Amino acid sequence: ECFPYYSTAKGHWRNSVRHNLSFNDWFHKTEWTRNAVKGHGWMLTEHGKNELCKHRLFDYTKLYHCLSQKEIAYLLINCGLLNVVCKD
């Protein structure tokens, strides 16, 4: 919904993302349950958080131009969600 590419792209992008997450030591797979439905998700490892903080200079204009709903970029920035894992 926020990134229009994924609503029109073929399903192979999911496999590509899953492959990259599983072979990158920045992430680990976690299990979750919502309303009796089990699933999996990905979380940053401590190593991933540290590396992300090293490279956290971010060009917000690129994010803004990728979003279909431009106000979401401001919400992410104002809520601090893009910097949530970094300690100053």
PDB file of N, CA and C in Angstrom:
ATOM      1  N   GLU A   1       0.823  -1.190   0.000  1.00  0.00           N
ATOM      2  CA  GLU A   1       0.000   0.000   0.000  1.00  0.00           C
ATOM      3  C   GLU A   1       0.872   1.261   0.000  1.00  0.00           C
ATOM      4  N   CYS A   2       1.922   1.258   0.809  1.00  0.00           N
ATOM      5  CA  CYS A   2       2.790   2.436   0.879  1.00  0.00           C
ATOM      6  C   CYS A   2       3.782   2.481  -0.272  1.00  0.00           C
ATOM      7  N   PHE A   3       4.206   1.325  -0.729  1.00  0.00           N
ATOM      8  CA  PHE A   3       5.168   1.239  -1.822  1.00  0.00           C
ATOM      9  C   PHE A   3       4.467   0.604  -3.022  1.00  0.00           C
ATOM     10  N   PRO A   4       4.015   1.389  -3.984  1.00  0.00           N
ATOM     11  CA  PRO A   4       3.182   0.894  -5.075  1.00  0.00           C
ATOM     12  C   PRO A   4       3.815  -0.222  -5.905  1.00  0.00           C
ATOM     13  N   TYR A   5       5.123  -0.289  -5.962  1.00  0.00           N
ATOM     14  CA  TYR A   5       5.787  -1.321  -6.769  1.00  0.00           C
ATOM     15  C   TYR A   5       5.301  -2.715  -6.383  1.00  0.00           C
ATOM     16  N   TYR A   6       5.161  -2.959  -5.089  1.00  0.00           N
ATOM     17  CA  TYR A   6       4.857  -4.305  -4.619  1.00  0.00           C
ATOM     18  C   TYR A   6       3.426  -4.735  -4.910  1.00  0.00           C
ATOM     19  N   SER A   7       2.535  -3.812  -5.187  1.00  0.00           N
ATOM     20  CA  SER A   7       1.167  -4.205  -5.524  1.00  0.00           C
ATOM     21  C   SER A   7       1.048  -4.652  -6.974  1.00  0.00           C
ATOM     22  N   THR A   8       1.993  -4.252  -7.816  1.00  0.00           N
ATOM     23  CA  THR A   8       1.932  -4.638  -9.230  1.00  0.00           C
ATOM     24  C   THR A   8       3.014  -5.633  -9.625  1.00  0.00           C
ATOM     25  N   ALA A   9       4.026  -5.814  -8.803  1.00  0.00           N
ATOM     26  CA  ALA A   9       5.139  -6.710  -9.139  1.00  0.00           C
ATOM     27  C   ALA A   9       4.711  -8.163  -9.001  1.00  0.00           C
ATOM     28  N   LYS A  10       5.347  -9.019  -9.763  1.00  0.00           N
ATOM     29  CA  LYS A  10       5.083 -10.449  -9.648  1.00  0.00           C
ATOM     30  C   LYS A  10       5.640 -10.955  -8.321  1.00  0.00           C
ATOM     31  N   GLY A  11       5.214 -12.149  -7.925  1.00  0.00           N
ATOM     32  CA  GLY A  11       5.534 -12.689  -6.610  1.00  0.00           C
ATOM     33  C   GLY A  11       6.981 -13.040  -6.356  1.00  0.00           C
ATOM     34  N   HIS A  12       7.834 -13.049  -7.375  1.00  0.00           N
ATOM     35  CA  HIS A  12       9.219 -13.472  -7.165  1.00  0.00           C
ATOM     36  C   HIS A  12       9.992 -12.547  -6.229  1.00  0.00           C
ATOM     37  N   TRP A  13       9.555 -11.315  -6.045  1.00  0.00           N
ATOM     38  CA  TRP A  13      10.265 -10.401  -5.151  1.00  0.00           C
ATOM     39  C   TRP A  13      10.242 -10.917  -3.715  1.00  0.00           C
ATOM     40  N   ARG A  14       9.167 -11.636  -3.332  1.00  0.00           N
ATOM     41  CA  ARG A  14       9.100 -12.178  -1.971  1.00  0.00           C
ATOM     42  C   ARG A  14      10.213 -13.193  -1.729  1.00  0.00           C
ATOM     43  N   ASN A  15      10.434 -14.066  -2.706  1.00  0.00           N
ATOM     44  CA  ASN A  15      11.504 -15.057  -2.571  1.00  0.00           C
ATOM     45  C   ASN A  15      12.861 -14.386  -2.493  1.00  0.00           C
ATOM     46  N   SER A  16      13.050 -13.344  -3.257  1.00  0.00           N
ATOM     47  CA  SER A  16      14.316 -12.620  -3.242  1.00  0.00           C
ATOM     48  C   SER A  16      14.562 -11.984  -1.873  1.00  0.00           C
ATOM     49  N   VAL A  17      13.541 -11.355  -1.320  1.00  0.00           N
ATOM     50  CA  VAL A  17      13.669 -10.737   0.000  1.00  0.00           C
ATOM     51  C   VAL A  17      13.933 -11.808   1.051  1.00  0.00           C
ATOM     52  N   ARG A  18      13.162 -12.891   1.013  1.00  0.00           N
ATOM     53  CA  ARG A  18      13.336 -13.976   1.982  1.00  0.00           C
ATOM     54  C   ARG A  18      14.744 -14.558   1.906  1.00  0.00           C
ATOM     55  N   HIS A  19      15.240 -14.760   0.701  1.00  0.00           N
ATOM     56  CA  HIS A  19      16.584 -15.296   0.504  1.00  0.00           C
ATOM     57  C   HIS A  19      17.628 -14.362   1.119  1.00  0.00           C
ATOM     58  N   ASN A  20      17.523 -13.083   0.832  1.00  0.00           N
ATOM     59  CA  ASN A  20      18.496 -12.120   1.352  1.00  0.00           C
ATOM     60  C   ASN A  20      18.436 -11.997   2.870  1.00  0.00           C
ATOM     61  N   LEU A  21      17.247 -12.044   3.431  1.00  0.00           N
ATOM     62  CA  LEU A  21      17.128 -11.979   4.889  1.00  0.00           C
ATOM     63  C   LEU A  21      17.733 -13.210   5.554  1.00  0.00           C
ATOM     64  N   SER A  22      17.505 -14.376   4.974  1.00  0.00           N
ATOM     65  CA  SER A  22      17.972 -15.608   5.617  1.00  0.00           C
ATOM     66  C   SER A  22      19.483 -15.777   5.542  1.00  0.00           C
ATOM     67  N   PHE A  23      20.139 -15.168   4.564  1.00  0.00           N
ATOM     68  CA  PHE A  23      21.586 -15.306   4.433  1.00  0.00           C
ATOM     69  C   PHE A  23      22.366 -14.101   4.960  1.00  0.00           C
ATOM     70  N   ASN A  24      21.665 -13.147   5.548  1.00  0.00           N
ATOM     71  CA  ASN A  24      22.306 -11.953   6.085  1.00  0.00           C
ATOM     72  C   ASN A  24      22.306 -12.039   7.606  1.00  0.00           C
ATOM     73  N   ASP A  25      23.462 -11.883   8.230  1.00  0.00           N
ATOM     74  CA  ASP A  25      23.539 -12.010   9.686  1.00  0.00           C
ATOM     75  C   ASP A  25      23.003 -10.787  10.438  1.00  0.00           C
ATOM     76  N   TRP A  26      22.439  -9.842   9.722  1.00  0.00           N
ATOM     77  CA  TRP A  26      21.798  -8.698  10.368  1.00  0.00           C
ATOM     78  C   TRP A  26      20.402  -9.064  10.874  1.00  0.00           C
ATOM     79  N   PHE A  27      19.827 -10.165  10.377  1.00  0.00           N
ATOM     80  CA  PHE A  27      18.443 -10.522  10.672  1.00  0.00           C
ATOM     81  C   PHE A  27      18.336 -11.933  11.225  1.00  0.00           C
ATOM     82  N   HIS A  28      17.285 -12.167  12.021  1.00  0.00           N
ATOM     83  CA  HIS A  28      16.957 -13.529  12.427  1.00  0.00           C
ATOM     84  C   HIS A  28      15.442 -13.705  12.331  1.00  0.00           C
ATOM     85  N   LYS A  29      15.050 -14.930  12.039  1.00  0.00           N
ATOM     86  CA  LYS A  29      13.642 -15.252  11.845  1.00  0.00           C
ATOM     87  C   LYS A  29      12.987 -15.476  13.206  1.00  0.00           C
ATOM     88  N   THR A  30      11.789 -14.935  13.388  1.00  0.00           N
ATOM     89  CA  THR A  30      11.054 -15.095  14.637  1.00  0.00           C
ATOM     90  C   THR A  30       9.663 -15.629  14.341  1.00  0.00           C
ATOM     91  N   GLU A  31       9.066 -16.248  15.333  1.00  0.00           N
ATOM     92  CA  GLU A  31       7.693 -16.733  15.203  1.00  0.00           C
ATOM     93  C   GLU A  31       6.759 -15.771  15.920  1.00  0.00           C
ATOM     94  N   TRP A  32       5.541 -15.666  15.425  1.00  0.00           N
ATOM     95  CA  TRP A  32       4.542 -14.843  16.075  1.00  0.00           C
ATOM     96  C   TRP A  32       3.185 -15.517  15.942  1.00  0.00           C
ATOM     97  N   THR A  33       2.257 -15.130  16.798  1.00  0.00           N
ATOM     98  CA  THR A  33       0.884 -15.630  16.741  1.00  0.00           C
ATOM     99  C   THR A  33      -0.052 -14.443  16.890  1.00  0.00           C
ATOM    100  N   ARG A  34      -0.983 -14.334  15.962  1.00  0.00           N
ATOM    101  CA  ARG A  34      -2.018 -13.290  16.030  1.00  0.00           C
ATOM    102  C   ARG A  34      -3.366 -13.945  15.798  1.00  0.00           C
ATOM    103  N   ASN A  35      -4.265 -13.779  16.733  1.00  0.00           N
ATOM    104  CA  ASN A  35      -5.615 -14.339  16.612  1.00  0.00           C
ATOM    105  C   ASN A  35      -5.578 -15.816  16.234  1.00  0.00           C
ATOM    106  N   ALA A  36      -4.754 -16.576  16.929  1.00  0.00           N
ATOM    107  CA  ALA A  36      -4.598 -18.026  16.742  1.00  0.00           C
ATOM    108  C   ALA A  36      -4.002 -18.398  15.386  1.00  0.00           C
ATOM    109  N   VAL A  37      -3.444 -17.443  14.685  1.00  0.00           N
ATOM    110  CA  VAL A  37      -2.776 -17.717  13.409  1.00  0.00           C
ATOM    111  C   VAL A  37      -1.278 -17.559  13.633  1.00  0.00           C
ATOM    112  N   LYS A  38      -0.536 -18.621  13.316  1.00  0.00           N
ATOM    113  CA  LYS A  38       0.917 -18.576  13.497  1.00  0.00           C
ATOM    114  C   LYS A  38       1.591 -18.079  12.228  1.00  0.00           C
ATOM    115  N   GLY A  39       2.720 -17.442  12.402  1.00  0.00           N
ATOM    116  CA  GLY A  39       3.477 -16.952  11.258  1.00  0.00           C
ATOM    117  C   GLY A  39       4.918 -16.689  11.645  1.00  0.00           C
ATOM    118  N   HIS A  40       5.659 -16.121  10.720  1.00  0.00           N
ATOM    119  CA  HIS A  40       7.064 -15.790  10.942  1.00  0.00           C
ATOM    120  C   HIS A  40       7.314 -14.349  10.531  1.00  0.00           C
ATOM    121  N   GLY A  41       8.314 -13.773  11.131  1.00  0.00           N
ATOM    122  CA  GLY A  41       8.749 -12.431  10.778  1.00  0.00           C
ATOM    123  C   GLY A  41      10.253 -12.351  10.918  1.00  0.00           C
ATOM    124  N   TRP A  42      10.796 -11.197  10.645  1.00  0.00           N
ATOM    125  CA  TRP A  42      12.241 -10.989  10.712  1.00  0.00           C
ATOM    126  C   TRP A  42      12.540  -9.830  11.636  1.00  0.00           C
ATOM    127  N   MET A  43      13.584  -9.982  12.437  1.00  0.00           N
ATOM    128  CA  MET A  43      14.021  -8.923  13.343  1.00  0.00           C
ATOM    129  C   MET A  43      15.506  -8.673  13.146  1.00  0.00           C
ATOM    130  N   LEU A  44      15.926  -7.461  13.481  1.00  0.00           N
ATOM    131  CA  LEU A  44      17.351  -7.144  13.449  1.00  0.00           C
ATOM    132  C   LEU A  44      18.068  -7.837  14.600  1.00  0.00           C
ATOM    133  N   THR A  45      19.243  -8.369  14.336  1.00  0.00           N
ATOM    134  CA  THR A  45      20.102  -8.887  15.398  1.00  0.00           C
ATOM    135  C   THR A  45      20.835  -7.704  16.026  1.00  0.00           C
ATOM    136  N   GLU A  46      21.505  -7.935  17.136  1.00  0.00           N
ATOM    137  CA  GLU A  46      22.308  -6.867  17.743  1.00  0.00           C
ATOM    138  C   GLU A  46      23.384  -6.390  16.765  1.00  0.00           C
ATOM    139  N   HIS A  47      23.998  -7.338  16.073  1.00  0.00           N
ATOM    140  CA  HIS A  47      25.001  -6.979  15.062  1.00  0.00           C
ATOM    141  C   HIS A  47      24.366  -6.097  13.983  1.00  0.00           C
ATOM    142  N   GLY A  48      23.170  -6.468  13.542  1.00  0.00           N
ATOM    143  CA  GLY A  48      22.473  -5.683  12.530  1.00  0.00           C
ATOM    144  C   GLY A  48      22.148  -4.282  13.005  1.00  0.00           C
ATOM    145  N   LYS A  49      21.721  -4.166  14.262  1.00  0.00           N
ATOM    146  CA  LYS A  49      21.432  -2.841  14.827  1.00  0.00           C
ATOM    147  C   LYS A  49      22.683  -1.974  14.853  1.00  0.00           C
ATOM    148  N   ASN A  50      23.792  -2.570  15.268  1.00  0.00           N
ATOM    149  CA  ASN A  50      25.049  -1.813  15.321  1.00  0.00           C
ATOM    150  C   ASN A  50      25.490  -1.362  13.932  1.00  0.00           C
ATOM    151  N   GLU A  51      25.391  -2.248  12.959  1.00  0.00           N
ATOM    152  CA  GLU A  51      25.782  -1.897  11.595  1.00  0.00           C
ATOM    153  C   GLU A  51      24.851  -0.842  11.010  1.00  0.00           C
ATOM    154  N   LEU A  52      23.569  -0.973  11.268  1.00  0.00           N
ATOM    155  CA  LEU A  52      22.607   0.008  10.773  1.00  0.00           C
ATOM    156  C   LEU A  52      22.908   1.387  11.343  1.00  0.00           C
ATOM    157  N   CYS A  53      23.255   1.440  12.604  1.00  0.00           N
ATOM    158  CA  CYS A  53      23.574   2.726  13.231  1.00  0.00           C
ATOM    159  C   CYS A  53      24.822   3.360  12.623  1.00  0.00           C
ATOM    160  N   LYS A  54      25.763   2.533  12.202  1.00  0.00           N
ATOM    161  CA  LYS A  54      26.964   3.066  11.548  1.00  0.00           C
ATOM    162  C   LYS A  54      26.621   3.740  10.223  1.00  0.00           C
ATOM    163  N   HIS A  55      25.602   3.228   9.559  1.00  0.00           N
ATOM    164  CA  HIS A  55      25.250   3.689   8.213  1.00  0.00           C
ATOM    165  C   HIS A  55      23.913   4.418   8.195  1.00  0.00           C
ATOM    166  N   ARG A  56      23.545   5.024   9.295  1.00  0.00           N
ATOM    167  CA  ARG A  56      22.193   5.551   9.373  1.00  0.00           C
ATOM    168  C   ARG A  56      21.981   6.888   8.678  1.00  0.00           C
ATOM    169  N   LEU A  57      22.986   7.428   8.048  1.00  0.00           N
ATOM    170  CA  LEU A  57      22.744   8.621   7.236  1.00  0.00           C
ATOM    171  C   LEU A  57      21.769   8.219   6.148  1.00  0.00           C
ATOM    172  N   PHE A  58      20.684   8.888   6.071  1.00  0.00           N
ATOM    173  CA  PHE A  58      19.591   8.449   5.215  1.00  0.00           C
ATOM    174  C   PHE A  58      19.110   9.617   4.368  1.00  0.00           C
ATOM    175  N   ASP A  59      18.904   9.367   3.117  1.00  0.00           N
ATOM    176  CA  ASP A  59      18.386  10.394   2.226  1.00  0.00           C
ATOM    177  C   ASP A  59      16.861  10.293   2.227  1.00  0.00           C
ATOM    178  N   TYR A  60      16.219  11.135   3.036  1.00  0.00           N
ATOM    179  CA  TYR A  60      14.775  11.074   3.174  1.00  0.00           C
ATOM    180  C   TYR A  60      14.046  11.403   1.878  1.00  0.00           C
ATOM    181  N   THR A  61      14.683  12.121   0.977  1.00  0.00           N
ATOM    182  CA  THR A  61      14.013  12.453  -0.279  1.00  0.00           C
ATOM    183  C   THR A  61      13.787  11.200  -1.117  1.00  0.00           C
ATOM    184  N   LYS A  62      14.697  10.228  -1.044  1.00  0.00           N
ATOM    185  CA  LYS A  62      14.497   8.980  -1.789  1.00  0.00           C
ATOM    186  C   LYS A  62      13.287   8.226  -1.260  1.00  0.00           C
ATOM    187  N   LEU A  63      13.159   8.151   0.052  1.00  0.00           N
ATOM    188  CA  LEU A  63      11.996   7.500   0.646  1.00  0.00           C
ATOM    189  C   LEU A  63      10.724   8.227   0.232  1.00  0.00           C
ATOM    190  N   TYR A  64      10.735   9.535   0.302  1.00  0.00           N
ATOM    191  CA  TYR A  64       9.561  10.340  -0.025  1.00  0.00           C
ATOM    192  C   TYR A  64       9.077  10.064  -1.443  1.00  0.00           C
ATOM    193  N   HIS A  65       9.993   9.975  -2.398  1.00  0.00           N
ATOM    194  CA  HIS A  65       9.604   9.774  -3.790  1.00  0.00           C
ATOM    195  C   HIS A  65       9.129   8.352  -4.072  1.00  0.00           C
ATOM    196  N   CYS A  66       9.473   7.382  -3.222  1.00  0.00           N
ATOM    197  CA  CYS A  66       9.037   5.999  -3.412  1.00  0.00           C
ATOM    198  C   CYS A  66       7.646   5.739  -2.853  1.00  0.00           C
ATOM    199  N   LEU A  67       7.198   6.581  -1.954  1.00  0.00           N
ATOM    200  CA  LEU A  67       5.917   6.354  -1.295  1.00  0.00           C
ATOM    201  C   LEU A  67       4.752   6.837  -2.141  1.00  0.00           C
ATOM    202  N   SER A  68       3.668   6.056  -2.125  1.00  0.00           N
ATOM    203  CA  SER A  68       2.461   6.508  -2.806  1.00  0.00           C
ATOM    204  C   SER A  68       1.694   7.496  -1.934  1.00  0.00           C
ATOM    205  N   GLN A  69       1.796   7.353  -0.616  1.00  0.00           N
ATOM    206  CA  GLN A  69       1.147   8.265   0.320  1.00  0.00           C
ATOM    207  C   GLN A  69       2.249   9.071   1.003  1.00  0.00           C
ATOM    208  N   LYS A  70       2.499  10.251   0.502  1.00  0.00           N
ATOM    209  CA  LYS A  70       3.649  11.048   0.927  1.00  0.00           C
ATOM    210  C   LYS A  70       3.651  11.374   2.417  1.00  0.00           C
ATOM    211  N   GLU A  71       2.471  11.483   3.025  1.00  0.00           N
ATOM    212  CA  GLU A  71       2.422  11.833   4.444  1.00  0.00           C
ATOM    213  C   GLU A  71       3.031  10.743   5.330  1.00  0.00           C
ATOM    214  N   ILE A  72       3.138   9.518   4.834  1.00  0.00           N
ATOM    215  CA  ILE A  72       3.734   8.436   5.621  1.00  0.00           C
ATOM    216  C   ILE A  72       5.210   8.710   5.892  1.00  0.00           C
ATOM    217  N   ALA A  73       5.913   9.311   4.948  1.00  0.00           N
ATOM    218  CA  ALA A  73       7.330   9.638   5.161  1.00  0.00           C
ATOM    219  C   ALA A  73       7.478  10.558   6.363  1.00  0.00           C
ATOM    220  N   TYR A  74       6.630  11.547   6.461  1.00  0.00           N
ATOM    221  CA  TYR A  74       6.701  12.472   7.587  1.00  0.00           C
ATOM    222  C   TYR A  74       6.348  11.781   8.899  1.00  0.00           C
ATOM    223  N   LEU A  75       5.368  10.873   8.864  1.00  0.00           N
ATOM    224  CA  LEU A  75       5.011  10.137  10.075  1.00  0.00           C
ATOM    225  C   LEU A  75       6.175   9.282  10.560  1.00  0.00           C
ATOM    226  N   LEU A  76       6.853   8.600   9.638  1.00  0.00           N
ATOM    227  CA  LEU A  76       7.999   7.767  10.012  1.00  0.00           C
ATOM    228  C   LEU A  76       9.116   8.596  10.626  1.00  0.00           C
ATOM    229  N   ILE A  77       9.373   9.738  10.040  1.00  0.00           N
ATOM    230  CA  ILE A  77      10.437  10.608  10.543  1.00  0.00           C
ATOM    231  C   ILE A  77      10.040  11.208  11.891  1.00  0.00           C
ATOM    232  N   ASN A  78       8.826  11.753  11.981  1.00  0.00           N
ATOM    233  CA  ASN A  78       8.384  12.417  13.205  1.00  0.00           C
ATOM    234  C   ASN A  78       8.225  11.459  14.378  1.00  0.00           C
ATOM    235  N   CYS A  79       7.860  10.216  14.093  1.00  0.00           N
ATOM    236  CA  CYS A  79       7.715   9.221  15.166  1.00  0.00           C
ATOM    237  C   CYS A  79       9.056   8.636  15.577  1.00  0.00           C
ATOM    238  N   GLY A  80      10.089   8.905  14.815  1.00  0.00           N
ATOM    239  CA  GLY A  80      11.404   8.376  15.141  1.00  0.00           C
ATOM    240  C   GLY A  80      11.589   6.925  14.759  1.00  0.00           C
ATOM    241  N   LEU A  81      10.698   6.374  13.952  1.00  0.00           N
ATOM    242  CA  LEU A  81      10.782   4.955  13.611  1.00  0.00           C
ATOM    243  C   LEU A  81      12.010   4.619  12.782  1.00  0.00           C
ATOM    244  N   LEU A  82      12.535   5.572  12.050  1.00  0.00           N
ATOM    245  CA  LEU A  82      13.717   5.287  11.247  1.00  0.00           C
ATOM    246  C   LEU A  82      14.984   5.258  12.093  1.00  0.00           C
ATOM    247  N   ASN A  83      14.956   5.818  13.275  1.00  0.00           N
ATOM    248  CA  ASN A  83      16.133   5.857  14.140  1.00  0.00           C
ATOM    249  C   ASN A  83      15.923   5.068  15.431  1.00  0.00           C
ATOM    250  N   VAL A  84      14.884   4.256  15.501  1.00  0.00           N
ATOM    251  CA  VAL A  84      14.495   3.626  16.755  1.00  0.00           C
ATOM    252  C   VAL A  84      15.566   2.702  17.329  1.00  0.00           C
ATOM    253  N   VAL A  85      16.417   2.111  16.497  1.00  0.00           N
ATOM    254  CA  VAL A  85      17.400   1.151  17.006  1.00  0.00           C
ATOM    255  C   VAL A  85      18.723   1.803  17.384  1.00  0.00           C
ATOM    256  N   CYS A  86      18.893   3.066  17.115  1.00  0.00           N
ATOM    257  CA  CYS A  86      20.186   3.722  17.323  1.00  0.00           C
ATOM    258  C   CYS A  86      20.199   4.519  18.618  1.00  0.00           C
ATOM    259  N   LYS A  87      21.301   4.422  19.314  1.00  0.00           N
ATOM    260  CA  LYS A  87      21.490   5.209  20.532  1.00  0.00           C
ATOM    261  C   LYS A  87      22.485   6.315  20.231  1.00  0.00           C
ATOM    262  N   ASP A  88      22.121   7.532  20.550  1.00  0.00           N
ATOM    263  CA  ASP A  88      23.024   8.669  20.308  1.00  0.00           C
ATOM    264  C   ASP A  88      24.012   8.831  21.434  1.00  0.00           C
TER     265      ASP A  88
END
